Amino acid sequence: MSEIEFNNQKLPVDEDGFLQEPDKWSDELAAFFAKHFEGIDKMTEEHWKLVKYLREYYLKYNIAPPIRMLTKQTGLSLDRIYELFPSGPAKGACKIAGLPKPTGCV
């Protein structure tokens, strides 16, 4: 397991950069992950809409949502999600949302 430094804290991440302590997540950390791991300089309203939905779903069900639910609930097409998060909903968006690396969902 690796660590990243953010705001004078060391945060554990897995080998793919996924946060291992989801309770340490914040909007500021999401913006940091977006910029440094995904190359997204500025999070737009659409970015936040998807990230917040992923986060809320995860906190309620302890798993990332299925992709169909993600597109239906956010109103974003899968193509649009890939435009926003080029590495995809699982690798990019879930990482920015502070979720553990998904297995089988999203």
C-alpha atoms as a PDB file:
ATOM      1  CA  MET A   1       0.000   0.000   0.000  1.00  0.00           C
ATOM      2  CA  SER A   2       1.195   3.484  -0.840  1.00  0.00           C
ATOM      3  CA  GLU A   3       0.502   6.905   0.600  1.00  0.00           C
ATOM      4  CA  ILE A   4      -0.145  10.324  -0.838  1.00  0.00           C
ATOM      5  CA  GLU A   5       0.421  13.579   0.942  1.00  0.00           C
ATOM      6  CA  PHE A   6      -2.442  16.047   0.970  1.00  0.00           C
ATOM      7  CA  ASN A   7      -2.835  19.063   3.291  1.00  0.00           C
ATOM      8  CA  ASN A   8       0.012  17.852   5.506  1.00  0.00           C
ATOM      9  CA  GLN A   9      -1.628  14.435   5.940  1.00  0.00           C
ATOM     10  CA  LYS A  10      -0.490  11.077   4.666  1.00  0.00           C
ATOM     11  CA  LEU A  11      -3.411   9.183   3.185  1.00  0.00           C
ATOM     12  CA  PRO A  12      -3.220   5.476   2.320  1.00  0.00           C
ATOM     13  CA  VAL A  13      -4.006   4.539  -1.286  1.00  0.00           C
ATOM     14  CA  ASP A  14      -3.840   1.199  -3.085  1.00  0.00           C
ATOM     15  CA  GLU A  15      -1.495   0.411  -5.966  1.00  0.00           C
ATOM     16  CA  ASP A  16      -3.923   2.102  -8.389  1.00  0.00           C
ATOM     17  CA  GLY A  17      -4.258   5.277  -6.300  1.00  0.00           C
ATOM     18  CA  PHE A  18      -7.673   4.533  -4.753  1.00  0.00           C
ATOM     19  CA  LEU A  19      -8.206   6.056  -1.316  1.00  0.00           C
ATOM     20  CA  GLN A  20      -8.244   3.352   1.359  1.00  0.00           C
ATOM     21  CA  GLU A  21     -10.005   5.427   4.032  1.00  0.00           C
ATOM     22  CA  PRO A  22     -13.167   6.825   2.359  1.00  0.00           C
ATOM     23  CA  ASP A  23     -14.010   8.826   5.493  1.00  0.00           C
ATOM     24  CA  LYS A  24     -10.957  11.027   4.791  1.00  0.00           C
ATOM     25  CA  TRP A  25     -12.549  12.210   1.504  1.00  0.00           C
ATOM     26  CA  SER A  26     -13.426  15.869   0.929  1.00  0.00           C
ATOM     27  CA  ASP A  27     -14.289  18.094  -2.025  1.00  0.00           C
ATOM     28  CA  GLU A  28     -10.762  19.483  -1.859  1.00  0.00           C
ATOM     29  CA  LEU A  29      -9.259  15.995  -1.969  1.00  0.00           C
ATOM     30  CA  ALA A  30     -11.527  15.148  -4.928  1.00  0.00           C
ATOM     31  CA  ALA A  31     -10.228  18.176  -6.836  1.00  0.00           C
ATOM     32  CA  PHE A  32      -6.645  17.138  -5.974  1.00  0.00           C
ATOM     33  CA  PHE A  33      -7.247  13.569  -7.225  1.00  0.00           C
ATOM     34  CA  ALA A  34      -8.929  14.921 -10.366  1.00  0.00           C
ATOM     35  CA  LYS A  35      -5.973  17.097 -11.220  1.00  0.00           C
ATOM     36  CA  HIS A  36      -3.123  14.816 -10.217  1.00  0.00           C
ATOM     37  CA  PHE A  37      -4.498  11.388 -11.146  1.00  0.00           C
ATOM     38  CA  GLU A  38      -6.922  12.141 -13.970  1.00  0.00           C
ATOM     39  CA  GLY A  39      -5.584  15.342 -15.539  1.00  0.00           C
ATOM     40  CA  ILE A  40      -8.821  17.248 -14.897  1.00  0.00           C
ATOM     41  CA  ASP A  41      -7.809  20.836 -14.166  1.00  0.00           C
ATOM     42  CA  LYS A  42     -11.250  22.111 -13.170  1.00  0.00           C
ATOM     43  CA  MET A  43     -14.176  20.081 -11.924  1.00  0.00           C
ATOM     44  CA  THR A  44     -17.376  21.236 -13.633  1.00  0.00           C
ATOM     45  CA  GLU A  45     -20.947  20.930 -12.411  1.00  0.00           C
ATOM     46  CA  GLU A  46     -21.268  17.696 -14.405  1.00  0.00           C
ATOM     47  CA  HIS A  47     -18.118  16.254 -12.818  1.00  0.00           C
ATOM     48  CA  TRP A  48     -19.461  17.056  -9.349  1.00  0.00           C
ATOM     49  CA  LYS A  49     -22.911  15.677 -10.164  1.00  0.00           C
ATOM     50  CA  LEU A  50     -21.418  12.297 -11.001  1.00  0.00           C
ATOM     51  CA  VAL A  51     -18.910  12.278  -8.142  1.00  0.00           C
ATOM     52  CA  LYS A  52     -21.536  13.248  -5.554  1.00  0.00           C
ATOM     53  CA  TYR A  53     -23.949  10.586  -6.827  1.00  0.00           C
ATOM     54  CA  LEU A  54     -21.232   7.902  -6.648  1.00  0.00           C
ATOM     55  CA  ARG A  55     -20.344   8.997  -3.140  1.00  0.00           C
ATOM     56  CA  GLU A  56     -23.946   9.055  -1.877  1.00  0.00           C
ATOM     57  CA  TYR A  57     -24.688   5.650  -3.381  1.00  0.00           C
ATOM     58  CA  TYR A  58     -21.523   4.165  -1.906  1.00  0.00           C
ATOM     59  CA  LEU A  59     -22.220   5.548   1.564  1.00  0.00           C
ATOM     60  CA  LYS A  60     -25.735   4.105   1.474  1.00  0.00           C
ATOM     61  CA  TYR A  61     -25.012   0.669  -0.050  1.00  0.00           C
ATOM     62  CA  ASN A  62     -21.256   0.208   0.525  1.00  0.00           C
ATOM     63  CA  ILE A  63     -20.729  -0.538  -3.186  1.00  0.00           C
ATOM     64  CA  ALA A  64     -20.448   1.470  -6.397  1.00  0.00           C
ATOM     65  CA  PRO A  65     -23.682   1.644  -8.411  1.00  0.00           C
ATOM     66  CA  PRO A  66     -24.260  -0.353 -11.593  1.00  0.00           C
ATOM     67  CA  ILE A  67     -23.471   1.676 -14.719  1.00  0.00           C
ATOM     68  CA  ARG A  68     -27.096   1.703 -15.903  1.00  0.00           C
ATOM     69  CA  MET A  69     -28.212   3.206 -12.622  1.00  0.00           C
ATOM     70  CA  LEU A  70     -25.389   5.741 -12.779  1.00  0.00           C
ATOM     71  CA  THR A  71     -26.421   6.966 -16.225  1.00  0.00           C
ATOM     72  CA  LYS A  72     -30.138   6.935 -15.396  1.00  0.00           C
ATOM     73  CA  GLN A  73     -29.836   8.765 -12.082  1.00  0.00           C
ATOM     74  CA  THR A  74     -27.379  11.406 -13.258  1.00  0.00           C
ATOM     75  CA  GLY A  75     -28.861  11.914 -16.735  1.00  0.00           C
ATOM     76  CA  LEU A  76     -25.356  11.612 -18.211  1.00  0.00           C
ATOM     77  CA  SER A  77     -24.790   9.225 -21.102  1.00  0.00           C
ATOM     78  CA  LEU A  78     -21.962   6.729 -20.905  1.00  0.00           C
ATOM     79  CA  ASP A  79     -20.243   8.608 -23.730  1.00  0.00           C
ATOM     80  CA  ARG A  80     -20.496  11.843 -21.749  1.00  0.00           C
ATOM     81  CA  ILE A  81     -19.131  10.148 -18.624  1.00  0.00           C
ATOM     82  CA  TYR A  82     -16.080   9.045 -20.614  1.00  0.00           C
ATOM     83  CA  GLU A  83     -15.662  12.598 -21.922  1.00  0.00           C
ATOM     84  CA  LEU A  84     -15.683  13.876 -18.343  1.00  0.00           C
ATOM     85  CA  PHE A  85     -13.574  11.044 -16.933  1.00  0.00           C
ATOM     86  CA  PRO A  86     -11.399   9.635 -19.752  1.00  0.00           C
ATOM     87  CA  SER A  87     -10.273   6.658 -17.663  1.00  0.00           C
ATOM     88  CA  GLY A  88     -13.932   5.771 -17.094  1.00  0.00           C
ATOM     89  CA  PRO A  89     -16.506   5.694 -14.352  1.00  0.00           C
ATOM     90  CA  ALA A  90     -14.802   2.925 -12.361  1.00  0.00           C
ATOM     91  CA  LYS A  91     -11.189   3.975 -12.560  1.00  0.00           C
ATOM     92  CA  GLY A  92     -11.538   7.748 -12.822  1.00  0.00           C
ATOM     93  CA  ALA A  93     -14.814   8.839 -11.290  1.00  0.00           C
ATOM     94  CA  CYS A  94     -14.797   6.357  -8.413  1.00  0.00           C
ATOM     95  CA  LYS A  95     -11.221   7.269  -7.548  1.00  0.00           C
ATOM     96  CA  ILE A  96     -12.105  10.970  -7.433  1.00  0.00           C
ATOM     97  CA  ALA A  97     -15.211  10.175  -5.349  1.00  0.00           C
ATOM     98  CA  GLY A  98     -12.987   8.476  -2.759  1.00  0.00           C
ATOM     99  CA  LEU A  99     -14.479   5.019  -3.271  1.00  0.00           C
ATOM    100  CA  PRO A 100     -12.435   1.854  -3.038  1.00  0.00           C
ATOM    101  CA  LYS A 101     -11.589   0.270  -6.376  1.00  0.00           C
ATOM    102  CA  PRO A 102     -14.871  -1.202  -7.693  1.00  0.00           C
ATOM    103  CA  THR A 103     -15.162  -4.868  -8.507  1.00  0.00           C
ATOM    104  CA  GLY A 104     -17.892  -5.745 -10.968  1.00  0.00           C
ATOM    105  CA  CYS A 105     -19.906  -2.532 -10.722  1.00  0.00           C
ATOM    106  CA  VAL A 106     -19.636   0.739 -12.626  1.00  0.00           C
END
